[in-house]
PDB file of N, CA and C in Angstrom:
ATOM      1  N   MET A   1     128.759  91.045  92.020  1.00  0.00           N
ATOM      2  CA  MET A   1     127.902  90.684  93.277  1.00  0.00           C
ATOM      3  C   MET A   1     126.925  91.068  94.363  1.00  0.00           C
ATOM      4  N   ALA A   2     126.609  91.675  94.742  1.00  0.00           N
ATOM      5  CA  ALA A   2     125.620  92.398  95.166  1.00  0.00           C
ATOM      6  C   ALA A   2     124.089  91.897  95.401  1.00  0.00           C
ATOM      7  N   GLY A   3     123.885  91.671  94.277  1.00  0.00           N
ATOM      8  CA  GLY A   3     122.066  92.139  92.953  1.00  0.00           C
ATOM      9  C   GLY A   3     122.509  90.077  93.112  1.00  0.00           C
ATOM     10  N   MET A   4     122.935  89.804  93.122  1.00  0.00           N
ATOM     11  CA  MET A   4     122.966  88.041  93.345  1.00  0.00           C
ATOM     12  C   MET A   4     122.384  87.873  95.034  1.00  0.00           C
ATOM     13  N   GLU A   5     122.972  88.779  95.650  1.00  0.00           N
ATOM     14  CA  GLU A   5     122.597  88.525  97.455  1.00  0.00           C
ATOM     15  C   GLU A   5     121.195  88.609  97.255  1.00  0.00           C
ATOM     16  N   TYR A   6     121.587  89.585  96.808  1.00  0.00           N
ATOM     17  CA  TYR A   6     119.610  90.398  96.958  1.00  0.00           C
ATOM     18  C   TYR A   6     118.873  89.320  97.030  1.00  0.00           C
ATOM     19  N   VAL A   7     118.654  88.511  95.057  1.00  0.00           N
ATOM     20  CA  VAL A   7     118.069  87.578  94.594  1.00  0.00           C
ATOM     21  C   VAL A   7     117.939  86.566  95.531  1.00  0.00           C
ATOM     22  N   VAL A   8     119.087  85.737  96.120  1.00  0.00           N
ATOM     23  CA  VAL A   8     119.073  84.598  97.130  1.00  0.00           C
ATOM     24  C   VAL A   8     118.690  85.436  98.488  1.00  0.00           C
ATOM     25  N   THR A   9     118.763  85.974  98.262  1.00  0.00           N
ATOM     26  CA  THR A   9     117.994  86.571 100.547  1.00  0.00           C
ATOM     27  C   THR A   9     116.391  86.449 100.017  1.00  0.00           C
ATOM     28  N   SER A  10     115.523  87.367  98.709  1.00  0.00           N
ATOM     29  CA  SER A  10     114.859  87.955  98.681  1.00  0.00           C
ATOM     30  C   SER A  10     113.922  86.142  98.252  1.00  0.00           C
ATOM     31  N   THR A  11     115.172  85.328  97.403  1.00  0.00           N
ATOM     32  CA  THR A  11     114.188  84.035  96.993  1.00  0.00           C
ATOM     33  C   THR A  11     113.962  82.750  98.992  1.00  0.00           C
ATOM     34  N   GLN A  12     114.893  82.674  99.351  1.00  0.00           N
ATOM     35  CA  GLN A  12     114.503  82.459 100.625  1.00  0.00           C
ATOM     36  C   GLN A  12     113.521  82.846 100.891  1.00  0.00           C
ATOM     37  N   ALA A  13     113.049  84.144 101.284  1.00  0.00           N
ATOM     38  CA  ALA A  13     111.697  84.598 102.508  1.00  0.00           C
ATOM     39  C   ALA A  13     110.691  84.021 101.192  1.00  0.00           C
ATOM     40  N   LEU A  14     110.163  84.327  99.805  1.00  0.00           N
ATOM     41  CA  LEU A  14     109.650  83.943  98.667  1.00  0.00           C
ATOM     42  C   LEU A  14     109.114  82.627  99.156  1.00  0.00           C
ATOM     43  N   ALA A  15     110.436  81.278  99.186  1.00  0.00           N
ATOM     44  CA  ALA A  15     109.465  80.364  99.325  1.00  0.00           C
ATOM     45  C   ALA A  15     109.152  79.963 100.107  1.00  0.00           C
ATOM     46  N   LYS A  16     109.167  80.306 101.986  1.00  0.00           N
ATOM     47  CA  LYS A  16     108.367  79.781 102.503  1.00  0.00           C
ATOM     48  C   LYS A  16     106.989  80.476 102.580  1.00  0.00           C
ATOM     49  N   VAL A  17     106.291  81.876 101.871  1.00  0.00           N
ATOM     50  CA  VAL A  17     105.074  82.040 101.888  1.00  0.00           C
ATOM     51  C   VAL A  17     104.739  81.242 100.378  1.00  0.00           C
ATOM     52  N   VAL A  18     105.408  80.621  99.341  1.00  0.00           N
ATOM     53  CA  VAL A  18     105.165  79.464  98.190  1.00  0.00           C
ATOM     54  C   VAL A  18     105.038  78.468  98.601  1.00  0.00           C
ATOM     55  N   ILE A  19     105.886  77.402  99.865  1.00  0.00           N
ATOM     56  CA  ILE A  19     105.657  76.061 100.781  1.00  0.00           C
ATOM     57  C   ILE A  19     103.865  76.567 101.293  1.00  0.00           C
ATOM     58  N   ILE A  20     104.270  77.806 101.872  1.00  0.00           N
ATOM     59  CA  ILE A  20     102.823  77.425 102.500  1.00  0.00           C
ATOM     60  C   ILE A  20     101.035  77.487 101.661  1.00  0.00           C
ATOM     61  N   SER A  21     101.028  78.523 100.518  1.00  0.00           N
ATOM     62  CA  SER A  21     100.471  78.131  99.559  1.00  0.00           C
ATOM     63  C   SER A  21     100.682  77.496  99.154  1.00  0.00           C
ATOM     64  N   ALA A  22     101.491  75.911  98.368  1.00  0.00           N
ATOM     65  CA  ALA A  22     101.047  75.180  98.041  1.00  0.00           C
ATOM     66  C   ALA A  22     100.559  74.443  98.594  1.00  0.00           C
ATOM     67  N   ALA A  23     100.770  74.194 100.305  1.00  0.00           N
ATOM     68  CA  ALA A  23      99.991  73.469 101.166  1.00  0.00           C
ATOM     69  C   ALA A  23      99.287  73.921 101.162  1.00  0.00           C
ATOM     70  N   GLY A  24      98.593  74.979 100.986  1.00  0.00           N
ATOM     71  CA  GLY A  24      96.903  75.424 101.186  1.00  0.00           C
ATOM     72  C   GLY A  24      96.514  74.280  99.933  1.00  0.00           C
ATOM     73  N   TYR A  25      97.485  74.450  99.044  1.00  0.00           N
ATOM     74  CA  TYR A  25      96.803  74.211  97.594  1.00  0.00           C
ATOM     75  C   TYR A  25      95.974  72.622  96.981  1.00  0.00           C
ATOM     76  N   MET A  26      97.857  71.939  97.264  1.00  0.00           N
ATOM     77  CA  MET A  26      97.292  70.829  97.814  1.00  0.00           C
ATOM     78  C   MET A  26      96.552  69.862  98.732  1.00  0.00           C
ATOM     79  N   LEU A  27      96.299  70.537  99.532  1.00  0.00           N
ATOM     80  CA  LEU A  27      95.132  70.352 100.226  1.00  0.00           C
ATOM     81  C   LEU A  27      94.186  70.178 100.116  1.00  0.00           C
ATOM     82  N   HIS A  28      93.321  71.351  98.536  1.00  0.00           N
ATOM     83  CA  HIS A  28      92.536  71.148  98.217  1.00  0.00           C
ATOM     84  C   HIS A  28      91.345  72.079  99.954  1.00  0.00           C
ATOM     85  N   LEU A  29      91.960  72.450 100.453  1.00  0.00           N
ATOM     86  CA  LEU A  29      91.033  73.121 102.341  1.00  0.00           C
ATOM     87  C   LEU A  29      89.720  73.682 101.073  1.00  0.00           C
ATOM     88  N   ASN A  30      88.702  73.316 102.672  1.00  0.00           N
ATOM     89  CA  ASN A  30      88.044  74.490 102.026  1.00  0.00           C
ATOM     90  C   ASN A  30      88.316  75.897 102.513  1.00  0.00           C
ATOM     91  N   LYS A  31      87.252  76.619 102.516  1.00  0.00           N
ATOM     92  CA  LYS A  31      87.023  77.929 103.416  1.00  0.00           C
ATOM     93  C   LYS A  31      88.005  78.553 105.437  1.00  0.00           C
ATOM     94  N   ALA A  32      87.407  77.507 105.644  1.00  0.00           N
ATOM     95  CA  ALA A  32      87.251  77.061 107.241  1.00  0.00           C
ATOM     96  C   ALA A  32      88.946  76.838 107.645  1.00  0.00           C
ATOM     97  N   GLY A  33      89.506  75.715 106.509  1.00  0.00           N
ATOM     98  CA  GLY A  33      90.489  75.432 106.737  1.00  0.00           C
ATOM     99  C   GLY A  33      91.769  76.252 106.457  1.00  0.00           C
ATOM    100  N   LEU A  34      91.390  77.272 104.917  1.00  0.00           N
ATOM    101  CA  LEU A  34      92.012  78.202 104.497  1.00  0.00           C
ATOM    102  C   LEU A  34      92.139  79.563 105.307  1.00  0.00           C
ATOM    103  N   LYS A  35      91.366  79.543 106.341  1.00  0.00           N
ATOM    104  CA  LYS A  35      91.161  80.194 107.172  1.00  0.00           C
ATOM    105  C   LYS A  35      91.613  80.701 107.990  1.00  0.00           C
ATOM    106  N   LEU A  36      92.150  78.723 108.355  1.00  0.00           N
ATOM    107  CA  LEU A  36      93.177  78.009 109.223  1.00  0.00           C
ATOM    108  C   LEU A  36      94.237  78.856 109.078  1.00  0.00           C
ATOM    109  N   LEU A  37      94.906  78.717 107.789  1.00  0.00           N
ATOM    110  CA  LEU A  37      95.931  78.349 107.616  1.00  0.00           C
ATOM    111  C   LEU A  37      96.273  79.507 107.630  1.00  0.00           C
ATOM    112  N   ALA A  38      95.493  80.628 107.001  1.00  0.00           N
ATOM    113  CA  ALA A  38      96.438  82.435 106.742  1.00  0.00           C
ATOM    114  C   ALA A  38      96.436  82.864 108.555  1.00  0.00           C
ATOM    115  N   ASP A  39      95.837  82.748 109.416  1.00  0.00           N
ATOM    116  CA  ASP A  39      96.047  82.734 110.829  1.00  0.00           C
ATOM    117  C   ASP A  39      96.511  82.563 111.806  1.00  0.00           C
ATOM    118  N   VAL A  40      97.381  81.068 111.408  1.00  0.00           N
ATOM    119  CA  VAL A  40      98.982  80.372 111.386  1.00  0.00           C
ATOM    120  C   VAL A  40      99.753  80.950 111.538  1.00  0.00           C
ATOM    121  N   THR A  41      99.561  80.881 109.606  1.00  0.00           N
ATOM    122  CA  THR A  41     100.954  82.048 108.935  1.00  0.00           C
ATOM    123  C   THR A  41     100.388  83.890 109.045  1.00  0.00           C
ATOM    124  N   ILE A  42      99.962  84.302 109.672  1.00  0.00           N
ATOM    125  CA  ILE A  42      99.805  85.538 110.051  1.00  0.00           C
ATOM    126  C   ILE A  42      99.670  85.688 111.659  1.00  0.00           C
ATOM    127  N   SER A  43     100.082  84.874 112.112  1.00  0.00           N
ATOM    128  CA  SER A  43      99.909  84.545 114.111  1.00  0.00           C
ATOM    129  C   SER A  43     101.018  83.725 114.561  1.00  0.00           C
ATOM    130  N   ILE A  44     101.925  83.188 113.277  1.00  0.00           N
ATOM    131  CA  ILE A  44     102.763  81.777 114.626  1.00  0.00           C
ATOM    132  C   ILE A  44     104.310  82.532 113.220  1.00  0.00           C
ATOM    133  N   LEU A  45     103.790  82.137 111.309  1.00  0.00           N
ATOM    134  CA  LEU A  45     104.636  82.281 110.554  1.00  0.00           C
ATOM    135  C   LEU A  45     105.615  83.760 110.323  1.00  0.00           C
ATOM    136  N   THR A  46     104.737  84.579 110.554  1.00  0.00           N
ATOM    137  CA  THR A  46     105.655  85.838 110.381  1.00  0.00           C
ATOM    138  C   THR A  46     106.274  86.353 110.966  1.00  0.00           C
ATOM    139  N   PRO A  47     105.248  85.682 112.839  1.00  0.00           N
ATOM    140  CA  PRO A  47     106.490  87.111 113.554  1.00  0.00           C
ATOM    141  C   PRO A  47     107.294  86.125 114.106  1.00  0.00           C
ATOM    142  N   ALA A  48     107.637  84.653 113.409  1.00  0.00           N
ATOM    143  CA  ALA A  48     109.089  84.229 113.591  1.00  0.00           C
ATOM    144  C   ALA A  48     109.781  84.616 113.019  1.00  0.00           C
ATOM    145  N   LEU A  49     109.296  84.595 111.905  1.00  0.00           N
ATOM    146  CA  LEU A  49     110.250  85.149 110.983  1.00  0.00           C
ATOM    147  C   LEU A  49     110.495  86.568 110.998  1.00  0.00           C
ATOM    148  N   LEU A  50     110.154  87.008 111.467  1.00  0.00           N
ATOM    149  CA  LEU A  50     110.693  88.176 112.146  1.00  0.00           C
ATOM    150  C   LEU A  50     111.693  88.283 113.424  1.00  0.00           C
ATOM    151  N   PHE A  51     111.641  86.996 114.417  1.00  0.00           N
ATOM    152  CA  PHE A  51     112.693  87.191 115.570  1.00  0.00           C
ATOM    153  C   PHE A  51     113.495  87.092 114.965  1.00  0.00           C
ATOM    154  N   ALA A  52     113.284  86.266 113.784  1.00  0.00           N
ATOM    155  CA  ALA A  52     114.721  85.262 113.650  1.00  0.00           C
ATOM    156  C   ALA A  52     115.877  86.006 111.989  1.00  0.00           C
ATOM    157  N   LYS A  53     114.994  85.894 112.466  1.00  0.00           N
ATOM    158  CA  LYS A  53     116.156  87.674 110.848  1.00  0.00           C
ATOM    159  C   LYS A  53     116.689  88.945 111.850  1.00  0.00           C
ATOM    160  N   ILE A  54     115.561  89.341 112.982  1.00  0.00           N
ATOM    161  CA  ILE A  54     116.495  89.948 114.227  1.00  0.00           C
ATOM    162  C   ILE A  54     117.152  89.629 114.838  1.00  0.00           C
ATOM    163  N   THR A  55     117.006  88.664 115.360  1.00  0.00           N
ATOM    164  CA  THR A  55     118.028  88.156 116.342  1.00  0.00           C
ATOM    165  C   THR A  55     119.805  88.040 115.814  1.00  0.00           C
ATOM    166  N   LYS A  56     119.349  87.701 114.310  1.00  0.00           N
ATOM    167  CA  LYS A  56     120.790  87.558 113.612  1.00  0.00           C
ATOM    168  C   LYS A  56     122.164  89.073 114.031  1.00  0.00           C
ATOM    169  N   SER A  57     120.984  89.664 114.353  1.00  0.00           N
ATOM    170  CA  SER A  57     122.079  91.076 114.592  1.00  0.00           C
ATOM    171  C   SER A  57     121.899  91.893 116.355  1.00  0.00           C
ATOM    172  N   LEU A  58     121.651  90.867 116.816  1.00  0.00           N
ATOM    173  CA  LEU A  58     120.912  91.674 118.091  1.00  0.00           C
ATOM    174  C   LEU A  58     121.674  91.361 118.377  1.00  0.00           C
ATOM    175  N   ASP A  59     122.703  91.598 119.897  1.00  0.00           N
ATOM    176  CA  ASP A  59     123.168  91.324 121.044  1.00  0.00           C
ATOM    177  C   ASP A  59     123.267  91.741 122.230  1.00  0.00           C
ATOM    178  N   ARG A  60     123.873  91.064 123.279  1.00  0.00           N
ATOM    179  CA  ARG A  60     123.913  91.837 124.841  1.00  0.00           C
ATOM    180  C   ARG A  60     124.074  93.590 124.857  1.00  0.00           C
ATOM    181  N   GLN A  61     124.635  94.079 124.252  1.00  0.00           N
ATOM    182  CA  GLN A  61     125.421  95.803 124.040  1.00  0.00           C
ATOM    183  C   GLN A  61     124.004  96.160 123.410  1.00  0.00           C
ATOM    184  N   MET A  62     123.383  95.952 122.266  1.00  0.00           N
ATOM    185  CA  MET A  62     122.364  96.622 121.025  1.00  0.00           C
ATOM    186  C   MET A  62     121.126  96.296 122.586  1.00  0.00           C
ATOM    187  N   LEU A  63     120.271  95.032 123.318  1.00  0.00           N
ATOM    188  CA  LEU A  63     119.651  95.664 123.767  1.00  0.00           C
ATOM    189  C   LEU A  63     119.754  96.028 124.439  1.00  0.00           C
ATOM    190  N   GLY A  64     120.510  96.132 125.245  1.00  0.00           N
ATOM    191  CA  GLY A  64     120.877  96.912 126.629  1.00  0.00           C
ATOM    192  C   GLY A  64     120.477  98.858 126.268  1.00  0.00           C
ATOM    193  N   ASP A  65     121.225  99.339 124.786  1.00  0.00           N
ATOM    194  CA  ASP A  65     121.212 100.552 124.778  1.00  0.00           C
ATOM    195  C   ASP A  65     118.955 100.772 124.063  1.00  0.00           C
ATOM    196  N   LEU A  66     118.933  99.645 123.996  1.00  0.00           N
ATOM    197  CA  LEU A  66     117.119  99.797 123.199  1.00  0.00           C
ATOM    198  C   LEU A  66     115.662  99.365 124.216  1.00  0.00           C
ATOM    199  N   TRP A  67     117.447  98.994 125.740  1.00  0.00           N
ATOM    200  CA  TRP A  67     115.799  98.239 126.510  1.00  0.00           C
ATOM    201  C   TRP A  67     114.611  99.928 127.091  1.00  0.00           C
ATOM    202  N   LEU A  68     115.163 100.834 126.498  1.00  0.00           N
ATOM    203  CA  LEU A  68     114.228 101.656 126.596  1.00  0.00           C
ATOM    204  C   LEU A  68     112.199 101.859 126.024  1.00  0.00           C
ATOM    205  N   VAL A  69     112.966 101.741 125.271  1.00  0.00           N
ATOM    206  CA  VAL A  69     111.662 101.047 124.675  1.00  0.00           C
ATOM    207  C   VAL A  69     110.334 101.009 124.677  1.00  0.00           C
ATOM    208  N   PRO A  70     110.694  99.813 124.907  1.00  0.00           N
ATOM    209  CA  PRO A  70     109.121  98.523 125.813  1.00  0.00           C
ATOM    210  C   PRO A  70     109.375  98.913 127.005  1.00  0.00           C
ATOM    211  N   VAL A  71     109.838  99.849 128.194  1.00  0.00           N
ATOM    212  CA  VAL A  71     109.872 100.301 129.018  1.00  0.00           C
ATOM    213  C   VAL A  71     108.785 101.711 128.991  1.00  0.00           C
ATOM    214  N   LEU A  72     109.383 102.325 127.737  1.00  0.00           N
ATOM    215  CA  LEU A  72     108.212 103.199 127.479  1.00  0.00           C
ATOM    216  C   LEU A  72     107.122 103.187 127.651  1.00  0.00           C
ATOM    217  N   TYR A  73     106.551 102.918 126.055  1.00  0.00           N
ATOM    218  CA  TYR A  73     105.571 101.270 125.024  1.00  0.00           C
ATOM    219  C   TYR A  73     104.713 101.069 126.998  1.00  0.00           C
ATOM    220  N   VAL A  74     105.087 100.719 127.446  1.00  0.00           N
ATOM    221  CA  VAL A  74     104.370 100.069 129.151  1.00  0.00           C
ATOM    222  C   VAL A  74     104.018 100.558 130.570  1.00  0.00           C
ATOM    223  N   VAL A  75     104.515 102.650 130.329  1.00  0.00           N
ATOM    224  CA  VAL A  75     104.428 103.214 130.831  1.00  0.00           C
ATOM    225  C   VAL A  75     103.919 104.399 130.310  1.00  0.00           C
ATOM    226  N   LEU A  76     104.762 104.510 129.578  1.00  0.00           N
ATOM    227  CA  LEU A  76     102.228 104.962 128.015  1.00  0.00           C
ATOM    228  C   LEU A  76     101.496 103.985 128.475  1.00  0.00           C
ATOM    229  N   GLY A  77     101.692 102.770 128.155  1.00  0.00           N
ATOM    230  CA  GLY A  77     100.179 102.095 127.766  1.00  0.00           C
ATOM    231  C   GLY A  77      99.441 101.729 129.324  1.00  0.00           C
ATOM    232  N   LEU A  78      99.964 102.466 130.383  1.00  0.00           N
ATOM    233  CA  LEU A  78      99.422 102.114 131.347  1.00  0.00           C
ATOM    234  C   LEU A  78      98.708 103.695 132.102  1.00  0.00           C
ATOM    235  N   VAL A  79      99.420 104.429 131.406  1.00  0.00           N
ATOM    236  CA  VAL A  79      99.094 106.023 131.822  1.00  0.00           C
ATOM    237  C   VAL A  79      97.902 106.167 131.025  1.00  0.00           C
ATOM    238  N   GLY A  80      97.664 105.284 129.669  1.00  0.00           N
ATOM    239  CA  GLY A  80      96.445 105.100 129.043  1.00  0.00           C
ATOM    240  C   GLY A  80      95.395 104.924 129.825  1.00  0.00           C
ATOM    241  N   LEU A  81      95.750 103.739 129.869  1.00  0.00           N
ATOM    242  CA  LEU A  81      94.959 102.431 130.783  1.00  0.00           C
ATOM    243  C   LEU A  81      93.901 103.555 131.773  1.00  0.00           C
ATOM    244  N   VAL A  82      95.080 103.705 132.429  1.00  0.00           N
ATOM    245  CA  VAL A  82      94.401 104.553 134.117  1.00  0.00           C
ATOM    246  C   VAL A  82      92.998 105.782 133.427  1.00  0.00           C
ATOM    247  N   TRP A  83      93.931 106.481 132.523  1.00  0.00           N
ATOM    248  CA  TRP A  83      93.034 107.715 132.040  1.00  0.00           C
ATOM    249  C   TRP A  83      91.783 107.474 131.596  1.00  0.00           C
ATOM    250  N   THR A  84      92.378 106.432 130.808  1.00  0.00           N
ATOM    251  CA  THR A  84      90.520 105.981 130.482  1.00  0.00           C
ATOM    252  C   THR A  84      89.692 105.179 131.484  1.00  0.00           C
ATOM    253  N   ARG A  85      89.918 104.188 132.445  1.00  0.00           N
ATOM    254  CA  ARG A  85      89.380 104.503 133.356  1.00  0.00           C
ATOM    255  C   ARG A  85      88.730 105.221 134.429  1.00  0.00           C
ATOM    256  N   TRP A  86      89.710 106.094 134.781  1.00  0.00           N
ATOM    257  CA  TRP A  86      88.921 107.132 135.006  1.00  0.00           C
ATOM    258  C   TRP A  86      87.713 108.332 134.435  1.00  0.00           C
ATOM    259  N   GLY A  87      88.565 108.004 133.447  1.00  0.00           N
ATOM    260  CA  GLY A  87      87.717 109.023 132.625  1.00  0.00           C
ATOM    261  C   GLY A  87      86.556 108.681 132.089  1.00  0.00           C
ATOM    262  N   GLY A  88      86.237 106.683 132.046  1.00  0.00           N
ATOM    263  CA  GLY A  88      85.047 106.699 131.726  1.00  0.00           C
ATOM    264  C   GLY A  88      84.753 106.167 132.812  1.00  0.00           C
ATOM    265  N   GLN A  89      84.983 106.738 133.953  1.00  0.00           N
ATOM    266  CA  GLN A  89      84.101 106.714 135.428  1.00  0.00           C
ATOM    267  C   GLN A  89      83.218 108.042 135.682  1.00  0.00           C
ATOM    268  N   ARG A  90      83.887 109.310 135.510  1.00  0.00           N
ATOM    269  CA  ARG A  90      83.768 110.049 134.798  1.00  0.00           C
ATOM    270  C   ARG A  90      82.153 110.443 133.870  1.00  0.00           C
ATOM    271  N   MET A  91      82.385 110.003 133.299  1.00  0.00           N
ATOM    272  CA  MET A  91      81.555 110.305 132.027  1.00  0.00           C
ATOM    273  C   MET A  91      79.916 109.176 131.950  1.00  0.00           C
ATOM    274  N   ARG A  92      80.599 108.199 133.026  1.00  0.00           N
ATOM    275  CA  ARG A  92      80.107 107.296 133.252  1.00  0.00           C
ATOM    276  C   ARG A  92      79.218 106.366 132.017  1.00  0.00           C
ATOM    277  N   LEU A  93      79.824 105.778 131.495  1.00  0.00           N
ATOM    278  CA  LEU A  93      80.130 104.748 130.663  1.00  0.00           C
ATOM    279  C   LEU A  93      79.431 104.034 131.234  1.00  0.00           C
ATOM    280  N   PRO A  94      79.284 102.885 130.358  1.00  0.00           N
ATOM    281  CA  PRO A  94      78.575 101.496 130.829  1.00  0.00           C
ATOM    282  C   PRO A  94      80.190 100.965 130.782  1.00  0.00           C
ATOM    283  N   ASP A  95      79.871  99.634 131.723  1.00  0.00           N
ATOM    284  CA  ASP A  95      81.624  98.525 132.220  1.00  0.00           C
ATOM    285  C   ASP A  95      82.129  98.495 130.490  1.00  0.00           C
ATOM    286  N   GLY A  96      81.133  97.388 130.035  1.00  0.00           N
ATOM    287  CA  GLY A  96      81.726  97.547 128.243  1.00  0.00           C
ATOM    288  C   GLY A  96      82.753  98.410 127.974  1.00  0.00           C
ATOM    289  N   PHE A  97      81.713  99.102 127.470  1.00  0.00           N
ATOM    290  CA  PHE A  97      82.438 100.020 126.746  1.00  0.00           C
ATOM    291  C   PHE A  97      83.166 100.540 127.498  1.00  0.00           C
ATOM    292  N   ARG A  98      84.212 101.159 128.338  1.00  0.00           N
ATOM    293  CA  ARG A  98      85.300 101.448 129.350  1.00  0.00           C
ATOM    294  C   ARG A  98      85.827 100.502 128.997  1.00  0.00           C
ATOM    295  N   ARG A  99      85.857  98.859 129.056  1.00  0.00           N
ATOM    296  CA  ARG A  99      86.757  98.065 128.716  1.00  0.00           C
ATOM    297  C   ARG A  99      87.439  98.294 127.561  1.00  0.00           C
ATOM    298  N   LEU A 100      86.396  98.333 126.674  1.00  0.00           N
ATOM    299  CA  LEU A 100      86.598  97.676 125.156  1.00  0.00           C
ATOM    300  C   LEU A 100      87.733  99.213 124.813  1.00  0.00           C
ATOM    301  N   CYS A 101      86.872 101.218 125.656  1.00  0.00           N
ATOM    302  CA  CYS A 101      87.722 101.957 125.699  1.00  0.00           C
ATOM    303  C   CYS A 101      89.869 101.534 126.005  1.00  0.00           C
ATOM    304  N   SER A 102      89.250 100.907 126.664  1.00  0.00           N
ATOM    305  CA  SER A 102      90.650 100.525 127.921  1.00  0.00           C
ATOM    306  C   SER A 102      91.803  99.910 126.711  1.00  0.00           C
ATOM    307  N   VAL A 103      91.535  98.578 126.351  1.00  0.00           N
ATOM    308  CA  VAL A 103      91.957  98.187 125.505  1.00  0.00           C
ATOM    309  C   VAL A 103      92.743  98.895 124.192  1.00  0.00           C
ATOM    310  N   ALA A 104      91.731  99.376 124.025  1.00  0.00           N
ATOM    311  CA  ALA A 104      92.045 100.323 122.523  1.00  0.00           C
ATOM    312  C   ALA A 104      93.547 101.785 122.439  1.00  0.00           C
ATOM    313  N   VAL A 105      92.705 101.376 123.864  1.00  0.00           N
ATOM    314  CA  VAL A 105      93.789 102.806 123.763  1.00  0.00           C
ATOM    315  C   VAL A 105      95.472 102.038 124.867  1.00  0.00           C
ATOM    316  N   PHE A 106      95.383 100.845 124.929  1.00  0.00           N
ATOM    317  CA  PHE A 106      96.402 100.561 125.652  1.00  0.00           C
ATOM    318  C   PHE A 106      97.379 100.010 124.676  1.00  0.00           C
ATOM    319  N   PHE A 107      96.447  98.966 123.731  1.00  0.00           N
ATOM    320  CA  PHE A 107      97.315  98.738 123.047  1.00  0.00           C
ATOM    321  C   PHE A 107      97.557  98.534 120.713  1.00  0.00           C
ATOM    322  N   SER A 108      97.206 100.280 121.205  1.00  0.00           N
ATOM    323  CA  SER A 108      97.281 101.883 119.539  1.00  0.00           C
ATOM    324  C   SER A 108      98.025 101.075 119.356  1.00  0.00           C
ATOM    325  N   ASN A 109      99.855 100.928 119.989  1.00  0.00           N
ATOM    326  CA  ASN A 109     100.777 101.213 118.719  1.00  0.00           C
ATOM    327  C   ASN A 109     101.603 100.232 119.074  1.00  0.00           C
ATOM    328  N   VAL A 110     101.062  98.888 119.644  1.00  0.00           N
ATOM    329  CA  VAL A 110     101.665  97.631 119.052  1.00  0.00           C
ATOM    330  C   VAL A 110     102.718  97.500 117.911  1.00  0.00           C
ATOM    331  N   ASN A 111     102.296  97.692 116.877  1.00  0.00           N
ATOM    332  CA  ASN A 111     102.966  97.245 115.777  1.00  0.00           C
ATOM    333  C   ASN A 111     103.861  98.742 115.641  1.00  0.00           C
ATOM    334  N   ILE A 112     103.516  99.905 115.742  1.00  0.00           N
ATOM    335  CA  ILE A 112     104.468 100.796 115.954  1.00  0.00           C
ATOM    336  C   ILE A 112     105.691 100.437 117.067  1.00  0.00           C
ATOM    337  N   MET A 113     105.509 100.185 117.979  1.00  0.00           N
ATOM    338  CA  MET A 113     106.520  99.871 118.605  1.00  0.00           C
ATOM    339  C   MET A 113     107.792  99.445 118.412  1.00  0.00           C
ATOM    340  N   LEU A 114     107.301  98.339 117.759  1.00  0.00           N
ATOM    341  CA  LEU A 114     108.909  97.318 116.577  1.00  0.00           C
ATOM    342  C   LEU A 114     109.870  98.418 115.510  1.00  0.00           C
ATOM    343  N   ILE A 115     109.225  99.390 115.251  1.00  0.00           N
ATOM    344  CA  ILE A 115     109.908 100.347 114.177  1.00  0.00           C
ATOM    345  C   ILE A 115     110.852 101.208 115.158  1.00  0.00           C
ATOM    346  N   PRO A 116     111.110 101.804 116.248  1.00  0.00           N
ATOM    347  CA  PRO A 116     111.908 102.486 116.985  1.00  0.00           C
ATOM    348  C   PRO A 116     113.293 100.822 117.222  1.00  0.00           C
ATOM    349  N   ILE A 117     113.108 100.056 117.286  1.00  0.00           N
ATOM    350  CA  ILE A 117     113.271  98.816 117.406  1.00  0.00           C
ATOM    351  C   ILE A 117     113.778  98.260 116.398  1.00  0.00           C
ATOM    352  N   ILE A 118     113.751  98.460 115.752  1.00  0.00           N
ATOM    353  CA  ILE A 118     114.512  97.216 114.058  1.00  0.00           C
ATOM    354  C   ILE A 118     115.060  98.588 113.356  1.00  0.00           C
ATOM    355  N   GLN A 119     115.011 100.163 113.948  1.00  0.00           N
ATOM    356  CA  GLN A 119     115.370 101.078 113.340  1.00  0.00           C
ATOM    357  C   GLN A 119     117.186 101.158 114.179  1.00  0.00           C
ATOM    358  N   GLY A 120     117.171 100.878 115.677  1.00  0.00           N
ATOM    359  CA  GLY A 120     118.011 100.674 116.349  1.00  0.00           C
ATOM    360  C   GLY A 120     118.494  99.861 115.859  1.00  0.00           C
ATOM    361  N   ILE A 121     118.464  98.167 115.626  1.00  0.00           N
ATOM    362  CA  ILE A 121     118.852  96.954 115.151  1.00  0.00           C
ATOM    363  C   ILE A 121     119.784  96.991 113.507  1.00  0.00           C
ATOM    364  N   ALA A 122     118.926  98.134 112.542  1.00  0.00           N
ATOM    365  CA  ALA A 122     119.555  97.971 111.476  1.00  0.00           C
ATOM    366  C   ALA A 122     120.538  99.853 111.728  1.00  0.00           C
ATOM    367  N   SER A 123     120.159 100.541 112.605  1.00  0.00           N
ATOM    368  CA  SER A 123     121.656 101.668 112.175  1.00  0.00           C
ATOM    369  C   SER A 123     122.467 101.261 113.429  1.00  0.00           C
ATOM    370  N   SER A 124     123.056  99.772 113.538  1.00  0.00           N
ATOM    371  CA  SER A 124     124.247  99.157 114.670  1.00  0.00           C
ATOM    372  C   SER A 124     125.610  99.420 113.383  1.00  0.00           C
ATOM    373  N   PRO A 125     126.249  98.971 113.861  1.00  0.00           N
ATOM    374  CA  PRO A 125     127.468  99.250 113.029  1.00  0.00           C
ATOM    375  C   PRO A 125     127.885  97.692 112.759  1.00  0.00           C
ATOM    376  N   ASP A 126     126.720  96.574 113.079  1.00  0.00           N
ATOM    377  CA  ASP A 126     127.029  95.169 113.653  1.00  0.00           C
ATOM    378  C   ASP A 126     125.703  94.682 112.187  1.00  0.00           C
ATOM    379  N   SER A 127     125.296  95.477 112.051  1.00  0.00           N
ATOM    380  CA  SER A 127     124.589  95.342 110.856  1.00  0.00           C
ATOM    381  C   SER A 127     124.786  95.642 109.941  1.00  0.00           C
ATOM    382  N   ARG A 128     125.541  95.722 108.915  1.00  0.00           N
ATOM    383  CA  ARG A 128     126.022  95.916 107.946  1.00  0.00           C
ATOM    384  C   ARG A 128     127.002  94.847 107.717  1.00  0.00           C
TER     385      ARG A 128
END
């Protein structure tokens, strides 16, 4: 029975991708239209899918247990931001390059922040 459950779950997840792909094919979109559809899929639909899957197993207790992950990310990001501003001024870097370095340091691990959150949710007893 567990094998059939995996088939149903994976089919539901893949159906969304197939629907978006079919919509692009049926609309006969040009390159600009396909790029827009790809951007919408990556920017809106994929995060929405992750959010929908994660919120099913998230409760107040788990949210309280995981509060440290985003706080540490913001604190370490701000330390990196201050460090690049200070270092850029000390090295007399151009202002545009200093801003680029600041953004690169602050947002360097945005994708990695989700890993401890998902691991915490997956290891909770309610997620089974």
